[in-house]
Amino acid sequence: MKKQNITLERDGTTYAAVYLVVDGLITVTSKEFGRKSVQVAGRSPEGLAQSLLDEMVADYRRHQKKNRDK
C-alpha cells in the first residue's frame, strides 16, 4: 500500500499526516508530532489513522500545556 494523506480538524486548526500499512501494522507520521504505530487487526485503516493522529495531537497539546504551567 502506498502512503495516504490524512487530515484532522480540531478547534479550528487542521493537522496533516501520512499513514502507511505494511504487514498489518499501520504507521502514522507527522512532521509536527512524530510517528505512532499499531496493529490494524481488522479495523479500517483510514479510521485508525485518524484516531492515531488525534491521539498524537492530544499528546502534543497536553505536553505544551504542561510546559506552560511550569
N, C-alpha and C. Protein backbone atom coordinates (compact mmCIF):
# COMPACT_ATOMS: atom_id res chain seq x y z
N MET A 1 0.85 -1.18 0.00
CA MET A 1 0.00 0.00 0.00
C MET A 1 0.89 1.24 0.00
N LYS A 2 0.49 2.25 -0.76
CA LYS A 2 1.25 3.49 -0.79
C LYS A 2 0.83 4.39 0.37
N LYS A 3 1.64 5.38 0.64
CA LYS A 3 1.32 6.34 1.71
C LYS A 3 0.05 7.10 1.35
N GLN A 4 -0.78 7.30 2.37
CA GLN A 4 -2.04 8.03 2.20
C GLN A 4 -2.00 9.28 3.08
N ASN A 5 -2.50 10.38 2.57
CA ASN A 5 -2.59 11.61 3.34
C ASN A 5 -3.86 11.61 4.18
N ILE A 6 -3.76 12.14 5.39
CA ILE A 6 -4.94 12.32 6.24
C ILE A 6 -4.87 13.70 6.88
N THR A 7 -6.02 14.22 7.20
CA THR A 7 -6.09 15.49 7.93
C THR A 7 -7.08 15.33 9.08
N LEU A 8 -6.90 16.18 10.05
CA LEU A 8 -7.76 16.19 11.22
C LEU A 8 -8.00 17.64 11.59
N GLU A 9 -9.24 18.01 11.77
CA GLU A 9 -9.57 19.36 12.21
C GLU A 9 -9.93 19.31 13.69
N ARG A 10 -9.27 20.17 14.45
CA ARG A 10 -9.53 20.23 15.89
C ARG A 10 -9.44 21.69 16.32
N ASP A 11 -10.51 22.18 16.92
CA ASP A 11 -10.55 23.57 17.41
C ASP A 11 -10.14 24.58 16.36
N GLY A 12 -10.60 24.37 15.13
CA GLY A 12 -10.33 25.33 14.06
C GLY A 12 -8.97 25.19 13.40
N THR A 13 -8.17 24.23 13.81
CA THR A 13 -6.85 24.01 13.22
C THR A 13 -6.85 22.68 12.48
N THR A 14 -6.27 22.68 11.29
CA THR A 14 -6.17 21.44 10.51
C THR A 14 -4.76 20.88 10.65
N TYR A 15 -4.69 19.61 11.02
CA TYR A 15 -3.42 18.91 11.19
C TYR A 15 -3.31 17.87 10.07
N ALA A 16 -2.10 17.68 9.56
CA ALA A 16 -1.88 16.75 8.46
C ALA A 16 -0.84 15.70 8.82
N ALA A 17 -1.02 14.54 8.24
CA ALA A 17 -0.07 13.44 8.42
C ALA A 17 -0.21 12.49 7.24
N VAL A 18 0.64 11.49 7.21
CA VAL A 18 0.51 10.41 6.23
C VAL A 18 0.48 9.10 7.00
N TYR A 19 -0.15 8.10 6.38
CA TYR A 19 -0.12 6.78 7.00
C TYR A 19 0.20 5.72 5.96
N LEU A 20 0.73 4.62 6.46
CA LEU A 20 1.13 3.51 5.62
C LEU A 20 0.83 2.23 6.37
N VAL A 21 0.28 1.24 5.67
CA VAL A 21 0.02 -0.06 6.27
C VAL A 21 0.96 -1.07 5.62
N VAL A 22 1.74 -1.76 6.45
CA VAL A 22 2.67 -2.79 5.97
C VAL A 22 2.56 -3.98 6.92
N ASP A 23 2.26 -5.14 6.36
CA ASP A 23 2.18 -6.38 7.13
C ASP A 23 1.28 -6.26 8.36
N GLY A 24 0.14 -5.61 8.18
CA GLY A 24 -0.83 -5.50 9.27
C GLY A 24 -0.52 -4.45 10.32
N LEU A 25 0.52 -3.66 10.10
CA LEU A 25 0.91 -2.60 11.03
C LEU A 25 0.70 -1.26 10.34
N ILE A 26 -0.05 -0.36 11.01
CA ILE A 26 -0.27 0.97 10.45
C ILE A 26 0.65 1.95 11.19
N THR A 27 1.29 2.80 10.40
CA THR A 27 2.16 3.83 10.96
C THR A 27 1.69 5.18 10.46
N VAL A 28 1.43 6.09 11.39
CA VAL A 28 1.04 7.46 11.08
C VAL A 28 2.26 8.34 11.38
N THR A 29 2.63 9.18 10.42
CA THR A 29 3.79 10.04 10.56
C THR A 29 3.41 11.49 10.29
N SER A 30 3.84 12.36 11.20
CA SER A 30 3.58 13.79 11.08
C SER A 30 4.88 14.54 11.34
N LYS A 31 5.16 15.56 10.55
CA LYS A 31 6.36 16.37 10.79
C LYS A 31 6.30 17.05 12.15
N GLU A 32 5.10 17.42 12.57
CA GLU A 32 4.93 18.12 13.85
C GLU A 32 4.94 17.20 15.06
N PHE A 33 4.37 15.99 14.91
CA PHE A 33 4.08 15.16 16.07
C PHE A 33 4.80 13.82 16.11
N GLY A 34 5.62 13.55 15.13
CA GLY A 34 6.38 12.31 15.13
C GLY A 34 5.63 11.15 14.49
N ARG A 35 5.80 9.97 15.09
CA ARG A 35 5.29 8.74 14.48
C ARG A 35 4.64 7.86 15.53
N LYS A 36 3.58 7.16 15.12
CA LYS A 36 2.90 6.23 16.02
C LYS A 36 2.42 5.05 15.19
N SER A 37 2.61 3.83 15.73
CA SER A 37 2.22 2.61 15.01
C SER A 37 1.41 1.69 15.91
N VAL A 38 0.46 0.97 15.30
CA VAL A 38 -0.32 -0.07 15.99
C VAL A 38 -0.72 -1.13 14.96
N GLN A 39 -1.15 -2.28 15.45
CA GLN A 39 -1.68 -3.33 14.59
C GLN A 39 -3.04 -2.92 14.07
N VAL A 40 -3.30 -3.20 12.81
CA VAL A 40 -4.59 -2.86 12.21
C VAL A 40 -5.69 -3.77 12.77
N ALA A 41 -5.44 -5.06 12.85
CA ALA A 41 -6.35 -6.04 13.46
C ALA A 41 -7.80 -5.92 12.98
N GLY A 42 -7.99 -5.85 11.66
CA GLY A 42 -9.34 -5.85 11.11
C GLY A 42 -10.05 -4.51 11.12
N ARG A 43 -9.45 -3.49 11.66
CA ARG A 43 -10.09 -2.17 11.70
C ARG A 43 -9.86 -1.42 10.40
N SER A 44 -10.64 -0.40 10.16
CA SER A 44 -10.50 0.44 8.97
C SER A 44 -9.19 1.23 9.07
N PRO A 45 -8.27 1.07 8.11
CA PRO A 45 -7.01 1.81 8.18
C PRO A 45 -7.19 3.33 8.25
N GLU A 46 -8.12 3.86 7.46
CA GLU A 46 -8.31 5.31 7.46
C GLU A 46 -8.84 5.80 8.81
N GLY A 47 -9.83 5.09 9.35
CA GLY A 47 -10.37 5.46 10.66
C GLY A 47 -9.34 5.33 11.76
N LEU A 48 -8.55 4.27 11.68
CA LEU A 48 -7.50 4.06 12.67
C LEU A 48 -6.43 5.15 12.56
N ALA A 49 -6.07 5.52 11.34
CA ALA A 49 -5.09 6.60 11.13
C ALA A 49 -5.61 7.90 11.72
N GLN A 50 -6.89 8.19 11.52
CA GLN A 50 -7.49 9.40 12.09
C GLN A 50 -7.39 9.37 13.62
N SER A 51 -7.70 8.22 14.20
CA SER A 51 -7.63 8.08 15.67
C SER A 51 -6.21 8.27 16.18
N LEU A 52 -5.25 7.70 15.48
CA LEU A 52 -3.85 7.84 15.90
C LEU A 52 -3.40 9.29 15.81
N LEU A 53 -3.76 9.97 14.73
CA LEU A 53 -3.40 11.38 14.59
C LEU A 53 -4.05 12.20 15.69
N ASP A 54 -5.30 11.90 16.01
CA ASP A 54 -5.99 12.59 17.10
C ASP A 54 -5.24 12.39 18.42
N GLU A 55 -4.80 11.17 18.70
CA GLU A 55 -4.01 10.89 19.91
C GLU A 55 -2.70 11.67 19.91
N MET A 56 -2.04 11.71 18.76
CA MET A 56 -0.77 12.42 18.65
C MET A 56 -0.94 13.91 18.93
N VAL A 57 -1.99 14.50 18.37
CA VAL A 57 -2.27 15.92 18.59
C VAL A 57 -2.60 16.16 20.07
N ALA A 58 -3.42 15.30 20.65
CA ALA A 58 -3.80 15.45 22.06
C ALA A 58 -2.58 15.33 22.97
N ASP A 59 -1.70 14.37 22.69
CA ASP A 59 -0.48 14.21 23.48
C ASP A 59 0.39 15.45 23.39
N TYR A 60 0.53 15.98 22.18
CA TYR A 60 1.34 17.19 21.96
C TYR A 60 0.75 18.38 22.73
N ARG A 61 -0.56 18.53 22.65
CA ARG A 61 -1.20 19.67 23.33
C ARG A 61 -1.08 19.55 24.85
N ARG A 62 -1.22 18.32 25.37
CA ARG A 62 -1.03 18.11 26.82
C ARG A 62 0.39 18.47 27.23
N HIS A 63 1.35 18.07 26.42
CA HIS A 63 2.76 18.36 26.71
C HIS A 63 2.99 19.87 26.69
N GLN A 64 2.42 20.56 25.70
CA GLN A 64 2.58 22.02 25.61
C GLN A 64 1.95 22.71 26.81
N LYS A 65 0.77 22.27 27.21
CA LYS A 65 0.09 22.86 28.37
C LYS A 65 0.90 22.64 29.64
N LYS A 66 1.43 21.44 29.79
CA LYS A 66 2.23 21.12 30.98
C LYS A 66 3.46 22.03 31.05
N ASN A 67 4.09 22.28 29.93
CA ASN A 67 5.27 23.16 29.90
C ASN A 67 4.90 24.61 30.20
N ARG A 68 3.73 25.05 29.74
CA ARG A 68 3.29 26.43 30.02
C ARG A 68 2.97 26.62 31.50
N ASP A 69 2.46 25.56 32.12
CA ASP A 69 2.05 25.66 33.53
C ASP A 69 3.21 25.63 34.51
N LYS A 70 4.40 25.34 34.03
CA LYS A 70 5.58 25.28 34.94
C LYS A 70 6.01 26.66 35.39
